[in-house]
Amino acid sequence: MTIINQFVTLTSHLVFIGLSYHMLISLFDWAKLIKNPIENTGKLKLFLLFISIALGYLVSSFILSVLAFGQNMASSIS
């Protein structure tokens, strides 16, 4: 059972990291916000990757905590 939980946790983290990265890339026109967009493209993508990892991990942890809370409530009622 722990292997399934670990797989679900890893999958959830990766999905939310990917979603947040896609959202950050497509939501703003980052070229307007930085100087020399041609030279700083790699740095900007790396920065957005780090931000999306942090944001995706936080959202995934929140969702997994809510699911664990629901499971604990359901098991305590029955």
PDB file of N, CA and C in Angstrom:
ATOM      1  N   MET A   1       0.817  -1.200   0.000  1.00  0.00           N
ATOM      2  CA  MET A   1       0.000   0.000   0.000  1.00  0.00           C
ATOM      3  C   MET A   1       0.859   1.261   0.000  1.00  0.00           C
ATOM      4  N   THR A   2       2.026   1.202   0.646  1.00  0.00           N
ATOM      5  CA  THR A   2       2.868   2.391   0.687  1.00  0.00           C
ATOM      6  C   THR A   2       3.466   2.702  -0.686  1.00  0.00           C
ATOM      7  N   ILE A   3       3.715   1.673  -1.486  1.00  0.00           N
ATOM      8  CA  ILE A   3       4.249   1.906  -2.824  1.00  0.00           C
ATOM      9  C   ILE A   3       3.215   2.639  -3.672  1.00  0.00           C
ATOM     10  N   ILE A   4       1.955   2.285  -3.522  1.00  0.00           N
ATOM     11  CA  ILE A   4       0.887   2.969  -4.261  1.00  0.00           C
ATOM     12  C   ILE A   4       0.785   4.421  -3.809  1.00  0.00           C
ATOM     13  N   ASN A   5       0.851   4.653  -2.503  1.00  0.00           N
ATOM     14  CA  ASN A   5       0.794   6.027  -1.987  1.00  0.00           C
ATOM     15  C   ASN A   5       1.980   6.857  -2.473  1.00  0.00           C
ATOM     16  N   GLN A   6       3.158   6.266  -2.502  1.00  0.00           N
ATOM     17  CA  GLN A   6       4.331   6.988  -2.979  1.00  0.00           C
ATOM     18  C   GLN A   6       4.228   7.295  -4.465  1.00  0.00           C
ATOM     19  N   PHE A   7       3.696   6.360  -5.238  1.00  0.00           N
ATOM     20  CA  PHE A   7       3.509   6.580  -6.672  1.00  0.00           C
ATOM     21  C   PHE A   7       2.482   7.679  -6.922  1.00  0.00           C
ATOM     22  N   VAL A   8       1.393   7.682  -6.164  1.00  0.00           N
ATOM     23  CA  VAL A   8       0.373   8.727  -6.310  1.00  0.00           C
ATOM     24  C   VAL A   8       0.947  10.079  -5.907  1.00  0.00           C
ATOM     25  N   THR A   9       1.734  10.113  -4.857  1.00  0.00           N
ATOM     26  CA  THR A   9       2.356  11.362  -4.413  1.00  0.00           C
ATOM     27  C   THR A   9       3.319  11.906  -5.465  1.00  0.00           C
ATOM     28  N   LEU A  10       4.175  11.055  -5.993  1.00  0.00           N
ATOM     29  CA  LEU A  10       5.122  11.482  -7.022  1.00  0.00           C
ATOM     30  C   LEU A  10       4.399  11.953  -8.283  1.00  0.00           C
ATOM     31  N   THR A  11       3.388  11.208  -8.693  1.00  0.00           N
ATOM     32  CA  THR A  11       2.617  11.591  -9.869  1.00  0.00           C
ATOM     33  C   THR A  11       1.915  12.916  -9.655  1.00  0.00           C
ATOM     34  N   SER A  12       1.349  13.115  -8.486  1.00  0.00           N
ATOM     35  CA  SER A  12       0.667  14.364  -8.179  1.00  0.00           C
ATOM     36  C   SER A  12       1.634  15.537  -8.215  1.00  0.00           C
ATOM     37  N   HIS A  13       2.802  15.370  -7.616  1.00  0.00           N
ATOM     38  CA  HIS A  13       3.800  16.438  -7.630  1.00  0.00           C
ATOM     39  C   HIS A  13       4.202  16.793  -9.063  1.00  0.00           C
ATOM     40  N   LEU A  14       4.484  15.778  -9.866  1.00  0.00           N
ATOM     41  CA  LEU A  14       4.921  16.031 -11.236  1.00  0.00           C
ATOM     42  C   LEU A  14       3.830  16.683 -12.080  1.00  0.00           C
ATOM     43  N   VAL A  15       2.593  16.246 -11.898  1.00  0.00           N
ATOM     44  CA  VAL A  15       1.490  16.831 -12.663  1.00  0.00           C
ATOM     45  C   VAL A  15       1.305  18.295 -12.292  1.00  0.00           C
ATOM     46  N   PHE A  16       1.305  18.609 -11.019  1.00  0.00           N
ATOM     47  CA  PHE A  16       1.099  19.997 -10.608  1.00  0.00           C
ATOM     48  C   PHE A  16       2.299  20.884 -10.939  1.00  0.00           C
ATOM     49  N   ILE A  17       3.494  20.335 -10.926  1.00  0.00           N
ATOM     50  CA  ILE A  17       4.663  21.095 -11.360  1.00  0.00           C
ATOM     51  C   ILE A  17       4.553  21.406 -12.851  1.00  0.00           C
ATOM     52  N   GLY A  18       4.163  20.415 -13.632  1.00  0.00           N
ATOM     53  CA  GLY A  18       3.983  20.636 -15.063  1.00  0.00           C
ATOM     54  C   GLY A  18       2.884  21.639 -15.362  1.00  0.00           C
ATOM     55  N   LEU A  19       1.776  21.541 -14.639  1.00  0.00           N
ATOM     56  CA  LEU A  19       0.684  22.494 -14.837  1.00  0.00           C
ATOM     57  C   LEU A  19       1.094  23.914 -14.480  1.00  0.00           C
ATOM     58  N   SER A  20       1.801  24.065 -13.377  1.00  0.00           N
ATOM     59  CA  SER A  20       2.207  25.411 -12.983  1.00  0.00           C
ATOM     60  C   SER A  20       3.246  25.974 -13.944  1.00  0.00           C
ATOM     61  N   TYR A  21       4.141  25.147 -14.474  1.00  0.00           N
ATOM     62  CA  TYR A  21       5.120  25.626 -15.446  1.00  0.00           C
ATOM     63  C   TYR A  21       4.423  26.080 -16.728  1.00  0.00           C
ATOM     64  N   HIS A  22       3.497  25.267 -17.198  1.00  0.00           N
ATOM     65  CA  HIS A  22       2.758  25.637 -18.413  1.00  0.00           C
ATOM     66  C   HIS A  22       1.961  26.922 -18.194  1.00  0.00           C
ATOM     67  N   MET A  23       1.370  27.058 -17.030  1.00  0.00           N
ATOM     68  CA  MET A  23       0.601  28.255 -16.726  1.00  0.00           C
ATOM     69  C   MET A  23       1.506  29.491 -16.657  1.00  0.00           C
ATOM     70  N   LEU A  24       2.663  29.370 -16.031  1.00  0.00           N
ATOM     71  CA  LEU A  24       3.573  30.510 -15.933  1.00  0.00           C
ATOM     72  C   LEU A  24       4.136  30.911 -17.300  1.00  0.00           C
ATOM     73  N   ILE A  25       4.406  29.939 -18.141  1.00  0.00           N
ATOM     74  CA  ILE A  25       4.943  30.239 -19.467  1.00  0.00           C
ATOM     75  C   ILE A  25       3.893  30.924 -20.340  1.00  0.00           C
ATOM     76  N   SER A  26       2.660  30.420 -20.294  1.00  0.00           N
ATOM     77  CA  SER A  26       1.647  30.924 -21.214  1.00  0.00           C
ATOM     78  C   SER A  26       0.857  32.114 -20.677  1.00  0.00           C
ATOM     79  N   LEU A  27       0.947  32.400 -19.408  1.00  0.00           N
ATOM     80  CA  LEU A  27       0.115  33.440 -18.815  1.00  0.00           C
ATOM     81  C   LEU A  27       0.637  34.843 -19.093  1.00  0.00           C
ATOM     82  N   PHE A  28       1.939  35.019 -19.063  1.00  0.00           N
ATOM     83  CA  PHE A  28       2.542  36.339 -19.214  1.00  0.00           C
ATOM     84  C   PHE A  28       3.423  36.387 -20.451  1.00  0.00           C
ATOM     85  N   ASP A  29       3.619  37.591 -20.954  1.00  0.00           N
ATOM     86  CA  ASP A  29       4.627  37.827 -21.975  1.00  0.00           C
ATOM     87  C   ASP A  29       5.893  38.274 -21.256  1.00  0.00           C
ATOM     88  N   TRP A  30       6.732  37.314 -20.928  1.00  0.00           N
ATOM     89  CA  TRP A  30       7.899  37.572 -20.093  1.00  0.00           C
ATOM     90  C   TRP A  30       8.933  38.430 -20.813  1.00  0.00           C
ATOM     91  N   ALA A  31       8.899  38.461 -22.133  1.00  0.00           N
ATOM     92  CA  ALA A  31       9.868  39.259 -22.887  1.00  0.00           C
ATOM     93  C   ALA A  31       9.703  40.751 -22.600  1.00  0.00           C
ATOM     94  N   LYS A  32       8.508  41.171 -22.264  1.00  0.00           N
ATOM     95  CA  LYS A  32       8.274  42.577 -21.952  1.00  0.00           C
ATOM     96  C   LYS A  32       8.786  42.963 -20.566  1.00  0.00           C
ATOM     97  N   LEU A  33       8.982  41.987 -19.704  1.00  0.00           N
ATOM     98  CA  LEU A  33       9.362  42.276 -18.325  1.00  0.00           C
ATOM     99  C   LEU A  33      10.867  42.238 -18.074  1.00  0.00           C
ATOM    100  N   ILE A  34      11.617  41.635 -18.980  1.00  0.00           N
ATOM    101  CA  ILE A  34      13.057  41.520 -18.740  1.00  0.00           C
ATOM    102  C   ILE A  34      13.832  42.322 -19.771  1.00  0.00           C
ATOM    103  N   LYS A  35      15.037  42.699 -19.376  1.00  0.00           N
ATOM    104  CA  LYS A  35      15.933  43.385 -20.299  1.00  0.00           C
ATOM    105  C   LYS A  35      16.659  42.344 -21.144  1.00  0.00           C
ATOM    106  N   ASN A  36      16.916  42.664 -22.376  1.00  0.00           N
ATOM    107  CA  ASN A  36      17.607  41.773 -23.317  1.00  0.00           C
ATOM    108  C   ASN A  36      16.997  40.370 -23.324  1.00  0.00           C
ATOM    109  N   PRO A  37      15.777  40.227 -23.802  1.00  0.00           N
ATOM    110  CA  PRO A  37      15.108  38.923 -23.738  1.00  0.00           C
ATOM    111  C   PRO A  37      15.849  37.823 -24.504  1.00  0.00           C
ATOM    112  N   ILE A  38      16.607  38.179 -25.522  1.00  0.00           N
ATOM    113  CA  ILE A  38      17.328  37.157 -26.280  1.00  0.00           C
ATOM    114  C   ILE A  38      18.448  36.551 -25.428  1.00  0.00           C
ATOM    115  N   GLU A  39      19.150  37.385 -24.678  1.00  0.00           N
ATOM    116  CA  GLU A  39      20.274  36.913 -23.862  1.00  0.00           C
ATOM    117  C   GLU A  39      19.802  36.213 -22.586  1.00  0.00           C
ATOM    118  N   ASN A  40      18.676  36.616 -22.055  1.00  0.00           N
ATOM    119  CA  ASN A  40      18.224  36.103 -20.757  1.00  0.00           C
ATOM    120  C   ASN A  40      17.133  35.041 -20.861  1.00  0.00           C
ATOM    121  N   THR A  41      16.914  34.479 -22.018  1.00  0.00           N
ATOM    122  CA  THR A  41      15.852  33.486 -22.179  1.00  0.00           C
ATOM    123  C   THR A  41      16.113  32.236 -21.339  1.00  0.00           C
ATOM    124  N   GLY A  42      17.342  31.741 -21.374  1.00  0.00           N
ATOM    125  CA  GLY A  42      17.682  30.541 -20.597  1.00  0.00           C
ATOM    126  C   GLY A  42      17.552  30.777 -19.103  1.00  0.00           C
ATOM    127  N   LYS A  43      18.001  31.928 -18.649  1.00  0.00           N
ATOM    128  CA  LYS A  43      17.903  32.258 -17.225  1.00  0.00           C
ATOM    129  C   LYS A  43      16.451  32.389 -16.800  1.00  0.00           C
ATOM    130  N   LEU A  44      15.642  32.992 -17.662  1.00  0.00           N
ATOM    131  CA  LEU A  44      14.226  33.157 -17.348  1.00  0.00           C
ATOM    132  C   LEU A  44      13.519  31.820 -17.276  1.00  0.00           C
ATOM    133  N   LYS A  45      13.810  30.919 -18.200  1.00  0.00           N
ATOM    134  CA  LYS A  45      13.181  29.591 -18.181  1.00  0.00           C
ATOM    135  C   LYS A  45      13.592  28.801 -16.943  1.00  0.00           C
ATOM    136  N   LEU A  46      14.850  28.926 -16.548  1.00  0.00           N
ATOM    137  CA  LEU A  46      15.311  28.250 -15.333  1.00  0.00           C
ATOM    138  C   LEU A  46      14.633  28.825 -14.099  1.00  0.00           C
ATOM    139  N   PHE A  47      14.517  30.150 -14.054  1.00  0.00           N
ATOM    140  CA  PHE A  47      13.823  30.796 -12.940  1.00  0.00           C
ATOM    141  C   PHE A  47      12.358  30.360 -12.883  1.00  0.00           C
ATOM    142  N   LEU A  48      11.690  30.314 -14.024  1.00  0.00           N
ATOM    143  CA  LEU A  48      10.290  29.879 -14.059  1.00  0.00           C
ATOM    144  C   LEU A  48      10.155  28.412 -13.673  1.00  0.00           C
ATOM    145  N   LEU A  49      11.154  27.602 -14.009  1.00  0.00           N
ATOM    146  CA  LEU A  49      11.136  26.197 -13.599  1.00  0.00           C
ATOM    147  C   LEU A  49      11.213  26.081 -12.079  1.00  0.00           C
ATOM    148  N   PHE A  50      12.098  26.860 -11.458  1.00  0.00           N
ATOM    149  CA  PHE A  50      12.206  26.825  -9.994  1.00  0.00           C
ATOM    150  C   PHE A  50      10.922  27.316  -9.325  1.00  0.00           C
ATOM    151  N   ILE A  51      10.343  28.380  -9.861  1.00  0.00           N
ATOM    152  CA  ILE A  51       9.086  28.890  -9.309  1.00  0.00           C
ATOM    153  C   ILE A  51       7.976  27.861  -9.478  1.00  0.00           C
ATOM    154  N   SER A  52       7.928  27.214 -10.627  1.00  0.00           N
ATOM    155  CA  SER A  52       6.870  26.228 -10.863  1.00  0.00           C
ATOM    156  C   SER A  52       7.060  24.987  -9.994  1.00  0.00           C
ATOM    157  N   ILE A  53       8.301  24.615  -9.701  1.00  0.00           N
ATOM    158  CA  ILE A  53       8.544  23.487  -8.796  1.00  0.00           C
ATOM    159  C   ILE A  53       8.011  23.814  -7.409  1.00  0.00           C
ATOM    160  N   ALA A  54       8.313  25.016  -6.926  1.00  0.00           N
ATOM    161  CA  ALA A  54       7.838  25.416  -5.596  1.00  0.00           C
ATOM    162  C   ALA A  54       6.315  25.508  -5.566  1.00  0.00           C
ATOM    163  N   LEU A  55       5.735  26.141  -6.557  1.00  0.00           N
ATOM    164  CA  LEU A  55       4.285  26.314  -6.602  1.00  0.00           C
ATOM    165  C   LEU A  55       3.571  24.980  -6.787  1.00  0.00           C
ATOM    166  N   GLY A  56       4.066  24.159  -7.702  1.00  0.00           N
ATOM    167  CA  GLY A  56       3.455  22.854  -7.945  1.00  0.00           C
ATOM    168  C   GLY A  56       3.529  21.943  -6.737  1.00  0.00           C
ATOM    169  N   TYR A  57       4.672  21.964  -6.043  1.00  0.00           N
ATOM    170  CA  TYR A  57       4.828  21.151  -4.837  1.00  0.00           C
ATOM    171  C   TYR A  57       3.854  21.590  -3.741  1.00  0.00           C
ATOM    172  N   LEU A  58       3.703  22.899  -3.574  1.00  0.00           N
ATOM    173  CA  LEU A  58       2.788  23.409  -2.550  1.00  0.00           C
ATOM    174  C   LEU A  58       1.339  23.037  -2.856  1.00  0.00           C
ATOM    175  N   VAL A  59       0.934  23.199  -4.103  1.00  0.00           N
ATOM    176  CA  VAL A  59      -0.442  22.865  -4.479  1.00  0.00           C
ATOM    177  C   VAL A  59      -0.672  21.363  -4.341  1.00  0.00           C
ATOM    178  N   SER A  60       0.277  20.574  -4.780  1.00  0.00           N
ATOM    179  CA  SER A  60       0.148  19.126  -4.673  1.00  0.00           C
ATOM    180  C   SER A  60       0.082  18.677  -3.211  1.00  0.00           C
ATOM    181  N   SER A  61       0.915  19.260  -2.376  1.00  0.00           N
ATOM    182  CA  SER A  61       0.889  18.915  -0.947  1.00  0.00           C
ATOM    183  C   SER A  61      -0.452  19.283  -0.321  1.00  0.00           C
ATOM    184  N   PHE A  62      -0.996  20.419  -0.718  1.00  0.00           N
ATOM    185  CA  PHE A  62      -2.295  20.824  -0.198  1.00  0.00           C
ATOM    186  C   PHE A  62      -3.379  19.830  -0.619  1.00  0.00           C
ATOM    187  N   ILE A  63      -3.405  19.465  -1.888  1.00  0.00           N
ATOM    188  CA  ILE A  63      -4.414  18.528  -2.384  1.00  0.00           C
ATOM    189  C   ILE A  63      -4.268  17.170  -1.695  1.00  0.00           C
ATOM    190  N   LEU A  64      -3.049  16.692  -1.551  1.00  0.00           N
ATOM    191  CA  LEU A  64      -2.836  15.408  -0.883  1.00  0.00           C
ATOM    192  C   LEU A  64      -3.224  15.474   0.591  1.00  0.00           C
ATOM    193  N   SER A  65      -3.008  16.603   1.241  1.00  0.00           N
ATOM    194  CA  SER A  65      -3.420  16.765   2.634  1.00  0.00           C
ATOM    195  C   SER A  65      -4.940  16.755   2.768  1.00  0.00           C
ATOM    196  N   VAL A  66      -5.614  17.408   1.846  1.00  0.00           N
ATOM    197  CA  VAL A  66      -7.075  17.409   1.867  1.00  0.00           C
ATOM    198  C   VAL A  66      -7.608  15.992   1.641  1.00  0.00           C
ATOM    199  N   LEU A  67      -7.010  15.251   0.709  1.00  0.00           N
ATOM    200  CA  LEU A  67      -7.436  13.869   0.481  1.00  0.00           C
ATOM    201  C   LEU A  67      -7.180  12.985   1.701  1.00  0.00           C
ATOM    202  N   ALA A  68      -6.027  13.156   2.344  1.00  0.00           N
ATOM    203  CA  ALA A  68      -5.725  12.375   3.552  1.00  0.00           C
ATOM    204  C   ALA A  68      -6.694  12.722   4.678  1.00  0.00           C
ATOM    205  N   PHE A  69      -7.037  14.001   4.800  1.00  0.00           N
ATOM    206  CA  PHE A  69      -8.009  14.420   5.809  1.00  0.00           C
ATOM    207  C   PHE A  69      -9.362  13.765   5.547  1.00  0.00           C
ATOM    208  N   GLY A  70      -9.775  13.752   4.289  1.00  0.00           N
ATOM    209  CA  GLY A  70     -11.046  13.114   3.936  1.00  0.00           C
ATOM    210  C   GLY A  70     -11.038  11.621   4.216  1.00  0.00           C
ATOM    211  N   GLN A  71      -9.937  10.966   3.937  1.00  0.00           N
ATOM    212  CA  GLN A  71      -9.829   9.532   4.227  1.00  0.00           C
ATOM    213  C   GLN A  71      -9.882   9.272   5.735  1.00  0.00           C
ATOM    214  N   ASN A  72      -9.206  10.104   6.500  1.00  0.00           N
ATOM    215  CA  ASN A  72      -9.224   9.933   7.961  1.00  0.00           C
ATOM    216  C   ASN A  72     -10.624  10.184   8.533  1.00  0.00           C
ATOM    217  N   MET A  73     -11.306  11.168   7.997  1.00  0.00           N
ATOM    218  CA  MET A  73     -12.670  11.441   8.456  1.00  0.00           C
ATOM    219  C   MET A  73     -13.607  10.305   8.101  1.00  0.00           C
ATOM    220  N   ALA A  74     -13.466   9.768   6.902  1.00  0.00           N
ATOM    221  CA  ALA A  74     -14.316   8.656   6.475  1.00  0.00           C
ATOM    222  C   ALA A  74     -14.056   7.399   7.294  1.00  0.00           C
ATOM    223  N   SER A  75     -12.784   7.147   7.617  1.00  0.00           N
ATOM    224  CA  SER A  75     -12.474   5.953   8.408  1.00  0.00           C
ATOM    225  C   SER A  75     -12.866   6.123   9.865  1.00  0.00           C
ATOM    226  N   SER A  76     -12.875   7.338  10.385  1.00  0.00           N
ATOM    227  CA  SER A  76     -13.274   7.538  11.771  1.00  0.00           C
ATOM    228  C   SER A  76     -14.792   7.483  11.942  1.00  0.00           C
ATOM    229  N   ILE A  77     -15.532   7.819  10.879  1.00  0.00           N
ATOM    230  CA  ILE A  77     -16.987   7.755  10.961  1.00  0.00           C
ATOM    231  C   ILE A  77     -17.478   6.320  10.915  1.00  0.00           C
ATOM    232  N   SER A  78     -16.868   5.509  10.081  1.00  0.00           N
ATOM    233  CA  SER A  78     -17.346   4.119   9.947  1.00  0.00           C
ATOM    234  C   SER A  78     -16.691   3.177  10.910  1.00  0.00           C
TER     235      SER A  78
END
